[in-house]
Amino acid sequence: MLNLPPELTHVQANACLEQLTKGIASEGAVVALNAEPLQKFDSSALAVLLQFQRQCLAAGKTVAVQGLPRQLLALATLYGIEGLLHSA
């Protein structure tokens, strides 16, 4: 299982995505992503999640997000992309 960091804003977005991308190969057909540690975030977190999902799909894998914070889901709903985030 891969984990999101406690903080994911525009400052951490590139480094976080790079770290997550490195973990794709070590995961099975379904990449479990734990979002429970995530406490401080902005819309960049959504961009990271969507790009990570695209990278997993390109590798023939799917993503199952666990513990997505309610506030982040609300932000996704505001942007109309909640259906693109796959929760486990």
C-alpha atoms as a PDB file:
ATOM      1  CA  MET A   1       0.000   0.000   0.000  1.00  0.00           C
ATOM      2  CA  LEU A   2       1.216   3.455  -0.886  1.00  0.00           C
ATOM      3  CA  ASN A   3       0.593   6.391   1.460  1.00  0.00           C
ATOM      4  CA  LEU A   4      -0.108  10.050   0.882  1.00  0.00           C
ATOM      5  CA  PRO A   5       1.889  12.437   3.074  1.00  0.00           C
ATOM      6  CA  PRO A   6       0.326  14.457   5.917  1.00  0.00           C
ATOM      7  CA  GLU A   7       0.629  17.625   3.799  1.00  0.00           C
ATOM      8  CA  LEU A   8       0.005  17.850   0.060  1.00  0.00           C
ATOM      9  CA  THR A   9      -0.164  21.347  -1.380  1.00  0.00           C
ATOM     10  CA  HIS A  10       1.343  22.845  -4.515  1.00  0.00           C
ATOM     11  CA  VAL A  11       4.683  22.942  -2.668  1.00  0.00           C
ATOM     12  CA  GLN A  12       4.803  19.136  -2.236  1.00  0.00           C
ATOM     13  CA  ALA A  13       2.832  18.076  -5.334  1.00  0.00           C
ATOM     14  CA  ASN A  14       5.683  17.239  -7.725  1.00  0.00           C
ATOM     15  CA  ALA A  15       7.750  15.391  -5.119  1.00  0.00           C
ATOM     16  CA  CYS A  16       4.702  13.460  -3.927  1.00  0.00           C
ATOM     17  CA  LEU A  17       3.714  12.423  -7.443  1.00  0.00           C
ATOM     18  CA  GLU A  18       7.279  11.332  -8.170  1.00  0.00           C
ATOM     19  CA  GLN A  19       7.351   9.214  -5.003  1.00  0.00           C
ATOM     20  CA  LEU A  20       3.970   7.631  -5.744  1.00  0.00           C
ATOM     21  CA  THR A  21       4.980   6.919  -9.335  1.00  0.00           C
ATOM     22  CA  LYS A  22       8.044   5.011  -8.130  1.00  0.00           C
ATOM     23  CA  GLY A  23       5.752   2.771  -6.084  1.00  0.00           C
ATOM     24  CA  ILE A  24       3.472   1.694  -8.943  1.00  0.00           C
ATOM     25  CA  ALA A  25       5.743  -1.130 -10.108  1.00  0.00           C
ATOM     26  CA  SER A  26       5.830  -2.737  -6.656  1.00  0.00           C
ATOM     27  CA  GLU A  27       2.032  -2.903  -6.397  1.00  0.00           C
ATOM     28  CA  GLY A  28      -0.350  -5.509  -7.798  1.00  0.00           C
ATOM     29  CA  ALA A  29      -3.127  -5.059 -10.344  1.00  0.00           C
ATOM     30  CA  VAL A  30      -4.965  -2.818  -7.879  1.00  0.00           C
ATOM     31  CA  VAL A  31      -2.798  -0.100  -6.371  1.00  0.00           C
ATOM     32  CA  ALA A  32      -4.016   0.649  -2.846  1.00  0.00           C
ATOM     33  CA  LEU A  33      -3.471   4.282  -1.896  1.00  0.00           C
ATOM     34  CA  ASN A  34      -3.908   5.260   1.751  1.00  0.00           C
ATOM     35  CA  ALA A  35      -5.084   8.863   2.085  1.00  0.00           C
ATOM     36  CA  GLU A  36      -5.649   8.719   5.859  1.00  0.00           C
ATOM     37  CA  PRO A  37      -2.389  10.519   6.736  1.00  0.00           C
ATOM     38  CA  LEU A  38      -3.463  13.503   4.599  1.00  0.00           C
ATOM     39  CA  GLN A  39      -4.417  16.433   6.831  1.00  0.00           C
ATOM     40  CA  LYS A  40      -3.354  19.614   5.059  1.00  0.00           C
ATOM     41  CA  PHE A  41      -4.009  19.941   1.334  1.00  0.00           C
ATOM     42  CA  ASP A  42      -5.203  22.158  -1.467  1.00  0.00           C
ATOM     43  CA  SER A  43      -6.514  21.474  -4.953  1.00  0.00           C
ATOM     44  CA  SER A  44      -3.045  20.268  -5.937  1.00  0.00           C
ATOM     45  CA  ALA A  45      -3.832  17.064  -4.045  1.00  0.00           C
ATOM     46  CA  LEU A  46      -6.622  16.385  -6.536  1.00  0.00           C
ATOM     47  CA  ALA A  47      -4.257  16.983  -9.438  1.00  0.00           C
ATOM     48  CA  VAL A  48      -1.771  14.522  -7.926  1.00  0.00           C
ATOM     49  CA  LEU A  49      -4.480  11.897  -7.408  1.00  0.00           C
ATOM     50  CA  LEU A  50      -5.783  12.232 -10.960  1.00  0.00           C
ATOM     51  CA  GLN A  51      -2.326  12.122 -12.540  1.00  0.00           C
ATOM     52  CA  PHE A  52      -1.379   9.144 -10.368  1.00  0.00           C
ATOM     53  CA  GLN A  53      -4.532   7.385 -11.497  1.00  0.00           C
ATOM     54  CA  ARG A  54      -3.646   8.073 -15.155  1.00  0.00           C
ATOM     55  CA  GLN A  55      -0.162   6.656 -14.606  1.00  0.00           C
ATOM     56  CA  CYS A  56      -1.569   3.527 -12.987  1.00  0.00           C
ATOM     57  CA  LEU A  57      -4.006   3.036 -15.863  1.00  0.00           C
ATOM     58  CA  ALA A  58      -1.142   3.416 -18.341  1.00  0.00           C
ATOM     59  CA  ALA A  59       0.635   0.620 -16.446  1.00  0.00           C
ATOM     60  CA  GLY A  60      -2.485  -1.569 -16.696  1.00  0.00           C
ATOM     61  CA  LYS A  61      -3.442  -1.089 -13.058  1.00  0.00           C
ATOM     62  CA  THR A  62      -6.316   0.500 -11.174  1.00  0.00           C
ATOM     63  CA  VAL A  63      -6.263   2.609  -8.019  1.00  0.00           C
ATOM     64  CA  ALA A  64      -8.267   2.100  -4.835  1.00  0.00           C
ATOM     65  CA  VAL A  65      -8.079   5.134  -2.542  1.00  0.00           C
ATOM     66  CA  GLN A  66      -8.687   4.463   1.139  1.00  0.00           C
ATOM     67  CA  GLY A  67      -9.413   7.054   3.806  1.00  0.00           C
ATOM     68  CA  LEU A  68     -10.010  10.029   1.546  1.00  0.00           C
ATOM     69  CA  PRO A  69     -10.627  13.064   3.794  1.00  0.00           C
ATOM     70  CA  ARG A  70     -14.182  14.407   3.594  1.00  0.00           C
ATOM     71  CA  GLN A  71     -12.921  17.895   2.848  1.00  0.00           C
ATOM     72  CA  LEU A  72     -10.957  16.631  -0.148  1.00  0.00           C
ATOM     73  CA  LEU A  73     -13.973  14.726  -1.420  1.00  0.00           C
ATOM     74  CA  ALA A  74     -16.030  17.911  -0.992  1.00  0.00           C
ATOM     75  CA  LEU A  75     -13.437  19.804  -3.033  1.00  0.00           C
ATOM     76  CA  ALA A  76     -13.601  17.125  -5.735  1.00  0.00           C
ATOM     77  CA  THR A  77     -17.399  17.439  -5.735  1.00  0.00           C
ATOM     78  CA  LEU A  78     -17.118  21.213  -6.091  1.00  0.00           C
ATOM     79  CA  TYR A  79     -14.921  20.715  -9.163  1.00  0.00           C
ATOM     80  CA  GLY A  80     -17.238  18.012 -10.511  1.00  0.00           C
ATOM     81  CA  ILE A  81     -14.588  15.282 -10.487  1.00  0.00           C
ATOM     82  CA  GLU A  82     -15.666  13.153  -7.522  1.00  0.00           C
ATOM     83  CA  GLY A  83     -16.620  10.335  -9.884  1.00  0.00           C
ATOM     84  CA  LEU A  84     -13.021  10.137 -11.075  1.00  0.00           C
ATOM     85  CA  LEU A  85     -11.703   9.270  -7.619  1.00  0.00           C
ATOM     86  CA  HIS A  86     -12.055   5.576  -6.897  1.00  0.00           C
ATOM     87  CA  SER A  87     -12.470   4.804  -3.206  1.00  0.00           C
ATOM     88  CA  ALA A  88     -11.996   1.358  -1.763  1.00  0.00           C
END
